[in-house]
């Protein structure tokens, strides 16, 4: 009985270690002392950890837009994801590439632009020219209720 308890504990620890979340670094240009910017950062962090390579009713999408895109069966809603996750799923991608939020700017009322760089954690000398992998520009729109 003791062996089974130990085995279950080891399996649970293994599963927990595989479910690491991606926590984007923040550049000095992102002022998280502003409540709105901090909320946008946390929304973006949640988005990155919600399988952005998969099409489903993602809780970080606007409900109306999500229903439209899911109904029209678009292969990829996020155009950045269309390129970033071609050869790897998001979990593997974020294991190798670290995200860093460069800017979060208000571009109009309740609309924010998020610029992010994705670079390899420890690039070898010969691969330095390929880092960063991507620089993305995504928009977050606050739902007005």
N, C-alpha and C. Protein backbone atom coordinates (compact mmCIF):
# COMPACT_ATOMS: atom_id res chain seq x y z
N UNK A 1 0.83 -1.19 0.00
CA UNK A 1 0.00 0.00 0.00
C UNK A 1 0.87 1.25 0.00
N UNK A 2 1.93 1.21 0.78
CA UNK A 2 2.84 2.36 0.87
C UNK A 2 3.50 2.64 -0.48
N UNK A 3 3.82 1.56 -1.24
CA UNK A 3 4.43 1.72 -2.56
C UNK A 3 3.50 2.46 -3.51
N UNK A 4 2.21 2.12 -3.46
CA UNK A 4 1.24 2.76 -4.34
C UNK A 4 1.07 4.24 -4.01
N UNK A 5 1.07 4.55 -2.71
CA UNK A 5 0.96 5.95 -2.31
C UNK A 5 2.16 6.74 -2.81
N UNK A 6 3.34 6.16 -2.69
CA UNK A 6 4.55 6.82 -3.16
C UNK A 6 4.53 6.98 -4.68
N UNK A 7 4.07 5.96 -5.38
CA UNK A 7 3.99 6.02 -6.84
C UNK A 7 3.00 7.10 -7.28
N UNK A 8 1.87 7.18 -6.64
CA UNK A 8 0.88 8.21 -6.97
C UNK A 8 1.45 9.59 -6.70
N UNK A 9 2.16 9.75 -5.61
CA UNK A 9 2.78 11.03 -5.28
C UNK A 9 3.80 11.43 -6.35
N UNK A 10 4.62 10.49 -6.79
CA UNK A 10 5.62 10.77 -7.82
C UNK A 10 4.94 11.16 -9.13
N UNK A 11 3.86 10.47 -9.49
CA UNK A 11 3.13 10.80 -10.72
C UNK A 11 2.53 12.19 -10.64
N UNK A 12 1.92 12.52 -9.50
CA UNK A 12 1.33 13.84 -9.34
C UNK A 12 2.37 14.95 -9.41
N UNK A 13 3.53 14.73 -8.81
CA UNK A 13 4.61 15.72 -8.88
C UNK A 13 5.08 15.88 -10.32
N UNK A 14 5.18 14.78 -11.04
CA UNK A 14 5.58 14.84 -12.45
C UNK A 14 4.58 15.60 -13.29
N UNK A 15 3.29 15.38 -13.05
CA UNK A 15 2.26 16.10 -13.80
C UNK A 15 2.29 17.58 -13.48
N UNK A 16 2.50 17.92 -12.23
CA UNK A 16 2.54 19.32 -11.83
C UNK A 16 3.73 20.04 -12.47
N UNK A 17 4.87 19.37 -12.56
CA UNK A 17 6.06 20.01 -13.14
C UNK A 17 5.90 20.22 -14.64
N UNK A 18 5.07 19.40 -15.31
CA UNK A 18 4.83 19.58 -16.74
C UNK A 18 3.83 20.69 -17.04
N UNK A 19 3.11 21.15 -16.05
CA UNK A 19 2.09 22.17 -16.29
C UNK A 19 2.58 23.56 -15.88
N UNK A 20 3.82 23.86 -16.23
CA UNK A 20 4.37 25.17 -15.90
C UNK A 20 3.69 26.24 -16.72
N UNK A 21 3.51 27.38 -16.12
CA UNK A 21 2.92 28.51 -16.81
C UNK A 21 4.01 29.41 -17.36
N UNK A 22 3.71 30.03 -18.48
CA UNK A 22 4.60 31.00 -19.07
C UNK A 22 4.33 32.35 -18.42
N UNK A 23 5.34 32.93 -17.82
CA UNK A 23 5.20 34.24 -17.19
C UNK A 23 6.09 35.21 -17.96
N UNK A 24 5.49 36.08 -18.77
CA UNK A 24 6.30 37.00 -19.57
C UNK A 24 7.08 37.98 -18.69
N UNK A 25 8.34 38.20 -19.08
CA UNK A 25 9.12 39.25 -18.43
C UNK A 25 8.51 40.59 -18.83
N UNK A 26 8.85 41.63 -18.08
CA UNK A 26 8.31 42.96 -18.36
C UNK A 26 9.47 43.93 -18.54
N UNK A 27 9.44 44.70 -19.62
CA UNK A 27 10.49 45.70 -19.83
C UNK A 27 10.19 46.93 -18.96
N UNK A 28 11.17 47.80 -18.87
CA UNK A 28 11.03 49.01 -18.05
C UNK A 28 9.97 49.96 -18.62
N UNK A 29 9.63 49.81 -19.88
CA UNK A 29 8.64 50.68 -20.52
C UNK A 29 7.20 50.36 -20.11
N UNK A 30 6.99 49.23 -19.46
CA UNK A 30 5.64 48.82 -19.06
C UNK A 30 5.43 49.25 -17.61
N UNK A 31 4.55 50.22 -17.42
CA UNK A 31 4.30 50.78 -16.09
C UNK A 31 3.16 50.02 -15.41
N UNK A 32 3.52 48.98 -14.67
CA UNK A 32 2.50 48.16 -14.00
C UNK A 32 1.96 48.81 -12.72
N UNK A 33 2.43 50.02 -12.41
CA UNK A 33 1.84 50.72 -11.27
C UNK A 33 0.46 51.27 -11.66
N UNK A 34 0.21 51.40 -12.96
CA UNK A 34 -1.12 51.80 -13.44
C UNK A 34 -2.01 50.56 -13.45
N UNK A 35 -3.15 50.67 -12.82
CA UNK A 35 -4.05 49.53 -12.66
C UNK A 35 -4.46 48.94 -14.01
N UNK A 36 -4.80 49.78 -14.96
CA UNK A 36 -5.26 49.31 -16.27
C UNK A 36 -4.16 48.53 -16.98
N UNK A 37 -2.93 49.04 -16.95
CA UNK A 37 -1.80 48.36 -17.60
C UNK A 37 -1.54 47.02 -16.93
N UNK A 38 -1.62 46.99 -15.61
CA UNK A 38 -1.42 45.74 -14.87
C UNK A 38 -2.50 44.71 -15.24
N UNK A 39 -3.75 45.16 -15.38
CA UNK A 39 -4.84 44.27 -15.78
C UNK A 39 -4.60 43.70 -17.17
N UNK A 40 -4.14 44.56 -18.10
CA UNK A 40 -3.87 44.12 -19.47
C UNK A 40 -2.72 43.10 -19.46
N UNK A 41 -1.69 43.37 -18.67
CA UNK A 41 -0.57 42.43 -18.57
C UNK A 41 -1.05 41.06 -18.09
N UNK A 42 -1.87 41.04 -17.04
CA UNK A 42 -2.37 39.76 -16.51
C UNK A 42 -3.31 39.06 -17.51
N UNK A 43 -4.09 39.84 -18.23
CA UNK A 43 -4.93 39.25 -19.28
C UNK A 43 -4.06 38.59 -20.35
N UNK A 44 -3.00 39.28 -20.75
CA UNK A 44 -2.09 38.74 -21.77
C UNK A 44 -1.38 37.48 -21.26
N UNK A 45 -0.95 37.53 -20.01
CA UNK A 45 -0.30 36.36 -19.40
C UNK A 45 -1.27 35.17 -19.40
N UNK A 46 -2.51 35.41 -19.03
CA UNK A 46 -3.52 34.34 -19.05
C UNK A 46 -3.74 33.83 -20.47
N UNK A 47 -3.73 34.75 -21.43
CA UNK A 47 -3.90 34.35 -22.83
C UNK A 47 -2.76 33.43 -23.28
N UNK A 48 -1.53 33.79 -22.94
CA UNK A 48 -0.39 32.96 -23.33
C UNK A 48 -0.46 31.56 -22.71
N UNK A 49 -1.06 31.46 -21.55
CA UNK A 49 -1.16 30.17 -20.86
C UNK A 49 -2.46 29.42 -21.17
N UNK A 50 -3.23 29.92 -22.12
CA UNK A 50 -4.51 29.28 -22.44
C UNK A 50 -4.50 28.62 -23.82
N UNK A 51 -3.35 28.08 -24.20
CA UNK A 51 -3.19 27.39 -25.49
C UNK A 51 -3.55 28.29 -26.67
N UNK A 52 -2.78 29.34 -26.92
CA UNK A 52 -3.11 30.23 -28.04
C UNK A 52 -2.94 29.57 -29.40
N UNK A 53 -2.39 28.37 -29.43
CA UNK A 53 -2.25 27.63 -30.69
C UNK A 53 -3.49 26.82 -31.03
N UNK A 54 -4.48 26.81 -30.13
CA UNK A 54 -5.68 25.99 -30.33
C UNK A 54 -6.91 26.87 -30.53
N UNK A 55 -7.83 26.37 -31.33
CA UNK A 55 -9.08 27.07 -31.57
C UNK A 55 -10.16 26.43 -30.69
N UNK A 56 -10.67 27.20 -29.78
CA UNK A 56 -11.75 26.77 -28.90
C UNK A 56 -12.33 28.01 -28.25
N UNK A 57 -13.37 27.88 -27.46
CA UNK A 57 -13.99 29.03 -26.80
C UNK A 57 -13.07 29.51 -25.69
N UNK A 58 -12.02 30.20 -26.08
CA UNK A 58 -11.00 30.69 -25.16
C UNK A 58 -11.60 31.75 -24.25
N UNK A 59 -11.44 31.64 -22.94
CA UNK A 59 -12.04 32.61 -22.02
C UNK A 59 -11.43 34.02 -22.15
N UNK A 60 -10.31 34.15 -22.83
CA UNK A 60 -9.67 35.45 -23.00
C UNK A 60 -10.11 36.16 -24.28
N UNK A 61 -10.97 35.56 -25.05
CA UNK A 61 -11.49 36.19 -26.26
C UNK A 61 -12.81 36.88 -25.96
N UNK A 62 -13.13 37.85 -26.76
CA UNK A 62 -14.44 38.48 -26.74
C UNK A 62 -15.45 37.42 -27.21
N UNK A 63 -16.55 37.23 -26.47
CA UNK A 63 -17.52 36.17 -26.78
C UNK A 63 -18.07 36.28 -28.20
N UNK A 64 -18.43 37.49 -28.61
CA UNK A 64 -19.01 37.68 -29.94
C UNK A 64 -18.02 37.31 -31.03
N UNK A 65 -16.78 37.78 -30.90
CA UNK A 65 -15.76 37.47 -31.90
C UNK A 65 -15.44 35.98 -31.91
N UNK A 66 -15.35 35.38 -30.74
CA UNK A 66 -15.03 33.96 -30.66
C UNK A 66 -16.10 33.12 -31.36
N UNK A 67 -17.36 33.45 -31.12
CA UNK A 67 -18.45 32.71 -31.77
C UNK A 67 -18.38 32.87 -33.29
N UNK A 68 -18.09 34.08 -33.75
CA UNK A 68 -17.99 34.33 -35.19
C UNK A 68 -16.87 33.50 -35.82
N UNK A 69 -15.68 33.56 -35.22
CA UNK A 69 -14.54 32.86 -35.81
C UNK A 69 -14.68 31.34 -35.69
N UNK A 70 -15.24 30.87 -34.60
CA UNK A 70 -15.45 29.43 -34.46
C UNK A 70 -16.51 28.92 -35.44
N UNK A 71 -17.54 29.74 -35.65
CA UNK A 71 -18.61 29.37 -36.58
C UNK A 71 -18.09 29.33 -38.02
N UNK A 72 -17.21 30.28 -38.36
CA UNK A 72 -16.68 30.32 -39.73
C UNK A 72 -15.52 29.34 -39.92
N UNK A 73 -15.15 28.65 -38.84
CA UNK A 73 -14.11 27.61 -38.87
C UNK A 73 -12.77 28.11 -39.42
N UNK A 74 -12.40 29.32 -39.01
CA UNK A 74 -11.10 29.84 -39.41
C UNK A 74 -10.03 29.00 -38.72
N UNK A 75 -8.99 28.66 -39.45
CA UNK A 75 -7.95 27.78 -38.91
C UNK A 75 -7.23 28.44 -37.74
N UNK A 76 -6.83 29.67 -37.91
CA UNK A 76 -6.16 30.41 -36.84
C UNK A 76 -6.80 31.79 -36.72
N UNK A 77 -7.16 32.16 -35.53
CA UNK A 77 -7.73 33.48 -35.31
C UNK A 77 -6.60 34.48 -35.08
N UNK A 78 -5.63 34.10 -34.29
CA UNK A 78 -4.48 34.95 -33.99
C UNK A 78 -3.45 34.75 -35.10
N UNK A 79 -3.22 35.79 -35.92
CA UNK A 79 -2.31 35.65 -37.05
C UNK A 79 -0.88 35.38 -36.61
N UNK A 80 -0.50 35.88 -35.43
CA UNK A 80 0.85 35.58 -34.92
C UNK A 80 0.96 34.09 -34.61
N UNK A 81 -0.08 33.51 -34.05
CA UNK A 81 -0.07 32.08 -33.73
C UNK A 81 0.04 31.24 -35.00
N UNK A 82 -0.50 31.75 -36.09
CA UNK A 82 -0.44 31.04 -37.37
C UNK A 82 1.00 30.78 -37.78
N UNK A 83 1.90 31.69 -37.46
CA UNK A 83 3.32 31.53 -37.80
C UNK A 83 4.12 30.89 -36.67
N UNK A 84 3.85 31.30 -35.45
CA UNK A 84 4.68 30.88 -34.31
C UNK A 84 4.57 29.40 -34.00
N UNK A 85 3.39 28.83 -34.14
CA UNK A 85 3.17 27.47 -33.68
C UNK A 85 3.03 26.46 -34.82
N UNK A 86 3.64 26.74 -35.95
CA UNK A 86 3.58 25.82 -37.09
C UNK A 86 4.33 24.53 -36.78
N UNK A 87 5.52 24.65 -36.20
CA UNK A 87 6.38 23.48 -35.97
C UNK A 87 6.32 22.94 -34.55
N UNK A 88 5.67 23.66 -33.66
CA UNK A 88 5.64 23.25 -32.26
C UNK A 88 4.35 23.76 -31.63
N UNK A 89 3.85 23.06 -30.63
CA UNK A 89 2.68 23.58 -29.93
C UNK A 89 3.12 24.67 -28.96
N UNK A 90 2.17 25.41 -28.42
CA UNK A 90 2.51 26.55 -27.57
C UNK A 90 3.27 26.14 -26.32
N UNK A 91 2.94 25.00 -25.75
CA UNK A 91 3.62 24.54 -24.53
C UNK A 91 5.11 24.34 -24.79
N UNK A 92 5.44 23.65 -25.87
CA UNK A 92 6.85 23.44 -26.22
C UNK A 92 7.53 24.74 -26.63
N UNK A 93 6.82 25.57 -27.36
CA UNK A 93 7.38 26.85 -27.82
C UNK A 93 7.79 27.72 -26.63
N UNK A 94 6.89 27.85 -25.65
CA UNK A 94 7.17 28.71 -24.50
C UNK A 94 8.19 28.09 -23.55
N UNK A 95 8.47 26.81 -23.69
CA UNK A 95 9.54 26.19 -22.92
C UNK A 95 10.90 26.66 -23.45
N UNK A 96 10.99 26.83 -24.75
CA UNK A 96 12.26 27.22 -25.37
C UNK A 96 12.40 28.74 -25.53
N UNK A 97 11.33 29.42 -25.88
CA UNK A 97 11.37 30.87 -26.10
C UNK A 97 10.71 31.60 -24.95
N UNK A 98 11.43 32.58 -24.41
CA UNK A 98 10.93 33.39 -23.30
C UNK A 98 10.25 34.62 -23.88
N UNK A 99 9.09 34.94 -23.35
CA UNK A 99 8.38 36.14 -23.81
C UNK A 99 8.72 37.31 -22.90
N UNK A 100 8.85 38.47 -23.52
CA UNK A 100 9.09 39.70 -22.77
C UNK A 100 8.20 40.78 -23.34
N UNK A 101 7.35 41.35 -22.50
CA UNK A 101 6.45 42.41 -22.93
C UNK A 101 7.26 43.69 -23.03
N UNK A 102 7.35 44.24 -24.23
CA UNK A 102 8.13 45.45 -24.47
C UNK A 102 7.32 46.71 -24.16
N UNK A 103 6.06 46.71 -24.56
CA UNK A 103 5.21 47.88 -24.35
C UNK A 103 3.76 47.45 -24.22
N UNK A 104 3.03 48.19 -23.42
CA UNK A 104 1.57 48.13 -23.41
C UNK A 104 1.11 49.57 -23.48
N UNK A 105 0.53 49.93 -24.62
CA UNK A 105 0.12 51.32 -24.86
C UNK A 105 -1.37 51.40 -25.12
N UNK A 106 -1.98 52.47 -24.65
CA UNK A 106 -3.37 52.75 -24.98
C UNK A 106 -3.38 53.39 -26.37
N UNK A 107 -4.11 52.79 -27.31
CA UNK A 107 -4.15 53.33 -28.67
C UNK A 107 -5.47 54.04 -28.97
N UNK A 108 -6.48 53.78 -28.18
CA UNK A 108 -7.75 54.51 -28.23
C UNK A 108 -8.53 54.12 -26.97
N UNK A 109 -9.75 54.58 -26.88
CA UNK A 109 -10.54 54.30 -25.68
C UNK A 109 -10.78 52.80 -25.57
N UNK A 110 -10.35 52.24 -24.45
CA UNK A 110 -10.51 50.80 -24.14
C UNK A 110 -9.83 49.87 -25.14
N UNK A 111 -8.81 50.34 -25.83
CA UNK A 111 -8.06 49.51 -26.79
C UNK A 111 -6.57 49.67 -26.49
N UNK A 112 -5.87 48.55 -26.32
CA UNK A 112 -4.47 48.56 -25.93
C UNK A 112 -3.64 47.71 -26.88
N UNK A 113 -2.43 48.18 -27.13
CA UNK A 113 -1.50 47.46 -28.00
C UNK A 113 -0.42 46.83 -27.12
N UNK A 114 -0.17 45.54 -27.33
CA UNK A 114 0.82 44.81 -26.54
C UNK A 114 1.92 44.35 -27.49
N UNK A 115 3.13 44.86 -27.28
CA UNK A 115 4.28 44.44 -28.10
C UNK A 115 5.13 43.49 -27.26
N UNK A 116 5.43 42.34 -27.84
CA UNK A 116 6.15 41.29 -27.12
C UNK A 116 7.26 40.73 -27.99
N UNK A 117 8.38 40.42 -27.36
CA UNK A 117 9.49 39.78 -28.06
C UNK A 117 9.62 38.36 -27.51
N UNK A 118 9.88 37.41 -28.40
CA UNK A 118 10.09 36.02 -28.02
C UNK A 118 11.51 35.65 -28.41
N UNK A 119 12.35 35.37 -27.43
CA UNK A 119 13.76 35.05 -27.69
C UNK A 119 14.13 33.76 -26.99
N UNK A 120 15.10 33.06 -27.56
CA UNK A 120 15.56 31.79 -26.98
C UNK A 120 16.18 32.04 -25.62
N UNK A 121 15.97 31.10 -24.71
CA UNK A 121 16.50 31.24 -23.35
C UNK A 121 18.02 31.31 -23.34
N UNK A 122 18.65 30.35 -23.97
CA UNK A 122 20.11 30.32 -23.98
C UNK A 122 20.57 29.91 -25.37
N UNK A 123 20.69 30.88 -26.20
CA UNK A 123 21.07 30.57 -27.58
C UNK A 123 22.56 30.26 -27.66
N UNK A 124 22.90 29.30 -28.49
CA UNK A 124 24.30 28.99 -28.73
C UNK A 124 24.87 30.05 -29.66
N UNK A 125 26.18 30.21 -29.64
CA UNK A 125 26.83 31.26 -30.41
C UNK A 125 26.42 31.23 -31.89
N UNK A 126 26.38 30.06 -32.48
CA UNK A 126 26.07 29.96 -33.90
C UNK A 126 24.61 30.29 -34.22
N UNK A 127 23.73 30.23 -33.20
CA UNK A 127 22.32 30.53 -33.43
C UNK A 127 21.91 31.92 -32.96
N UNK A 128 22.86 32.73 -32.50
CA UNK A 128 22.53 34.05 -31.98
C UNK A 128 21.80 34.91 -33.01
N UNK A 129 22.15 34.77 -34.28
CA UNK A 129 21.53 35.61 -35.30
C UNK A 129 20.04 35.28 -35.49
N UNK A 130 19.59 34.13 -34.99
CA UNK A 130 18.18 33.76 -35.12
C UNK A 130 17.35 34.16 -33.90
N UNK A 131 17.98 34.78 -32.93
CA UNK A 131 17.26 35.23 -31.74
C UNK A 131 17.12 36.73 -31.84
N UNK A 132 15.99 37.34 -31.71
CA UNK A 132 14.71 36.79 -31.28
C UNK A 132 14.00 36.04 -32.39
N UNK A 133 13.10 35.19 -31.98
CA UNK A 133 12.32 34.41 -32.93
C UNK A 133 11.21 35.27 -33.54
N UNK A 134 10.45 35.97 -32.68
CA UNK A 134 9.36 36.82 -33.14
C UNK A 134 9.24 38.06 -32.27
N UNK A 135 8.73 39.11 -32.88
CA UNK A 135 8.25 40.29 -32.16
C UNK A 135 6.81 40.44 -32.60
N UNK A 136 5.89 40.39 -31.66
CA UNK A 136 4.47 40.43 -32.00
C UNK A 136 3.83 41.73 -31.52
N UNK A 137 2.74 42.08 -32.17
CA UNK A 137 1.95 43.23 -31.77
C UNK A 137 0.49 42.76 -31.75
N UNK A 138 -0.07 42.62 -30.56
CA UNK A 138 -1.46 42.18 -30.41
C UNK A 138 -2.27 43.30 -29.77
N UNK A 139 -3.56 43.23 -29.93
CA UNK A 139 -4.44 44.24 -29.36
C UNK A 139 -5.39 43.61 -28.36
N UNK A 140 -5.59 44.31 -27.27
CA UNK A 140 -6.57 43.91 -26.26
C UNK A 140 -7.63 44.99 -26.22
N UNK A 141 -8.88 44.58 -26.30
CA UNK A 141 -9.99 45.52 -26.27
C UNK A 141 -10.83 45.21 -25.05
N UNK A 142 -11.06 46.23 -24.25
CA UNK A 142 -11.85 46.05 -23.03
C UNK A 142 -13.33 46.04 -23.38
N UNK A 143 -14.03 45.01 -22.94
CA UNK A 143 -15.47 44.95 -23.16
C UNK A 143 -16.16 46.00 -22.30
N UNK A 144 -17.06 46.74 -22.90
CA UNK A 144 -17.82 47.75 -22.16
C UNK A 144 -19.16 47.13 -21.78
N UNK A 145 -19.43 47.13 -20.48
CA UNK A 145 -20.68 46.49 -20.03
C UNK A 145 -21.55 47.45 -19.29
